[in-house]
Amino acid sequence: MILLLRSVPGAMAATLGQPLFWGSLALALVIAGAFAYPVNRWLIARGRGHAVIHQHHGHH
């Protein structure tokens, strides 16, 4: 995410009231999600997802 923010001119200096801040943040989150989604599906398909950990803590 930091790499994306550094690649957008002015994004690191943008304040909360500026659309550049929110646009850069939204774009970074979309890119991160695009990478995380297939990894999570792969982990869940192999029984290694987040929900598996709850079995060890007694949650159902």
C-alpha atoms as a PDB file:
ATOM      1  CA  MET A   1       0.000   0.000   0.000  1.00  0.00           C
ATOM      2  CA  ILE A   2       2.831   2.360   0.822  1.00  0.00           C
ATOM      3  CA  LEU A   3       4.394   1.733  -2.586  1.00  0.00           C
ATOM      4  CA  LEU A   4       1.175   2.743  -4.288  1.00  0.00           C
ATOM      5  CA  LEU A   5       0.804   5.845  -2.151  1.00  0.00           C
ATOM      6  CA  ARG A   6       4.373   6.842  -2.929  1.00  0.00           C
ATOM      7  CA  SER A   7       3.783   6.349  -6.649  1.00  0.00           C
ATOM      8  CA  VAL A   8       0.789   8.718  -6.730  1.00  0.00           C
ATOM      9  CA  PRO A   9       2.106  12.303  -6.754  1.00  0.00           C
ATOM     10  CA  GLY A  10       0.944  14.198  -3.671  1.00  0.00           C
ATOM     11  CA  ALA A  11      -0.780  11.229  -2.021  1.00  0.00           C
ATOM     12  CA  MET A  12       1.572  11.134   0.960  1.00  0.00           C
ATOM     13  CA  ALA A  13       0.947  14.827   1.670  1.00  0.00           C
ATOM     14  CA  ALA A  14      -2.821  14.693   1.117  1.00  0.00           C
ATOM     15  CA  THR A  15      -5.051  15.415   4.096  1.00  0.00           C
ATOM     16  CA  LEU A  16      -8.273  13.696   5.145  1.00  0.00           C
ATOM     17  CA  GLY A  17     -10.333  16.395   3.464  1.00  0.00           C
ATOM     18  CA  GLN A  18      -8.826  15.876   0.029  1.00  0.00           C
ATOM     19  CA  PRO A  19     -10.234  13.472  -2.563  1.00  0.00           C
ATOM     20  CA  LEU A  20      -6.673  12.448  -3.506  1.00  0.00           C
ATOM     21  CA  PHE A  21      -6.225  10.880  -0.067  1.00  0.00           C
ATOM     22  CA  TRP A  22      -9.429   8.859  -0.265  1.00  0.00           C
ATOM     23  CA  GLY A  23      -8.928   7.897  -3.915  1.00  0.00           C
ATOM     24  CA  SER A  24      -5.399   6.654  -3.258  1.00  0.00           C
ATOM     25  CA  LEU A  25      -6.568   4.734  -0.215  1.00  0.00           C
ATOM     26  CA  ALA A  26      -9.458   3.152  -2.114  1.00  0.00           C
ATOM     27  CA  LEU A  27      -7.189   2.133  -4.985  1.00  0.00           C
ATOM     28  CA  ALA A  28      -4.637   0.627  -2.604  1.00  0.00           C
ATOM     29  CA  LEU A  29      -7.331  -1.379  -0.821  1.00  0.00           C
ATOM     30  CA  VAL A  30      -8.739  -2.701  -4.108  1.00  0.00           C
ATOM     31  CA  ILE A  31      -5.278  -3.812  -5.215  1.00  0.00           C
ATOM     32  CA  ALA A  32      -4.574  -5.436  -1.840  1.00  0.00           C
ATOM     33  CA  GLY A  33      -7.930  -7.242  -1.953  1.00  0.00           C
ATOM     34  CA  ALA A  34      -7.233  -8.511  -5.453  1.00  0.00           C
ATOM     35  CA  PHE A  35      -4.097 -10.205  -4.149  1.00  0.00           C
ATOM     36  CA  ALA A  36      -5.537 -11.382  -0.832  1.00  0.00           C
ATOM     37  CA  TYR A  37      -8.720 -12.973  -2.222  1.00  0.00           C
ATOM     38  CA  PRO A  38      -7.092 -15.785  -4.236  1.00  0.00           C
ATOM     39  CA  VAL A  39      -4.608 -16.488  -1.436  1.00  0.00           C
ATOM     40  CA  ASN A  40      -7.449 -16.808   1.085  1.00  0.00           C
ATOM     41  CA  ARG A  41      -9.417 -19.102  -1.238  1.00  0.00           C
ATOM     42  CA  TRP A  42      -6.332 -21.266  -1.685  1.00  0.00           C
ATOM     43  CA  LEU A  43      -5.792 -21.482   2.092  1.00  0.00           C
ATOM     44  CA  ILE A  44      -9.448 -22.305   2.804  1.00  0.00           C
ATOM     45  CA  ALA A  45      -9.496 -24.986   0.098  1.00  0.00           C
ATOM     46  CA  ARG A  46      -6.591 -26.675   1.851  1.00  0.00           C
ATOM     47  CA  GLY A  47      -8.141 -26.391   5.311  1.00  0.00           C
ATOM     48  CA  ARG A  48      -5.810 -23.640   6.470  1.00  0.00           C
ATOM     49  CA  GLY A  49      -8.122 -20.613   6.597  1.00  0.00           C
ATOM     50  CA  HIS A  50      -8.913 -18.262   9.464  1.00  0.00           C
ATOM     51  CA  ALA A  51     -11.981 -20.272  10.515  1.00  0.00           C
ATOM     52  CA  VAL A  52      -9.814 -23.334  11.173  1.00  0.00           C
ATOM     53  CA  ILE A  53      -8.072 -21.505  14.028  1.00  0.00           C
ATOM     54  CA  HIS A  54     -11.387 -21.117  15.858  1.00  0.00           C
ATOM     55  CA  GLN A  55     -11.539 -24.898  16.275  1.00  0.00           C
ATOM     56  CA  HIS A  56      -8.481 -24.708  18.490  1.00  0.00           C
ATOM     57  CA  HIS A  57     -10.125 -22.071  20.714  1.00  0.00           C
ATOM     58  CA  GLY A  58     -13.369 -23.964  21.220  1.00  0.00           C
ATOM     59  CA  HIS A  59     -15.511 -21.669  19.032  1.00  0.00           C
ATOM     60  CA  HIS A  60     -17.975 -23.227  16.624  1.00  0.00           C
END
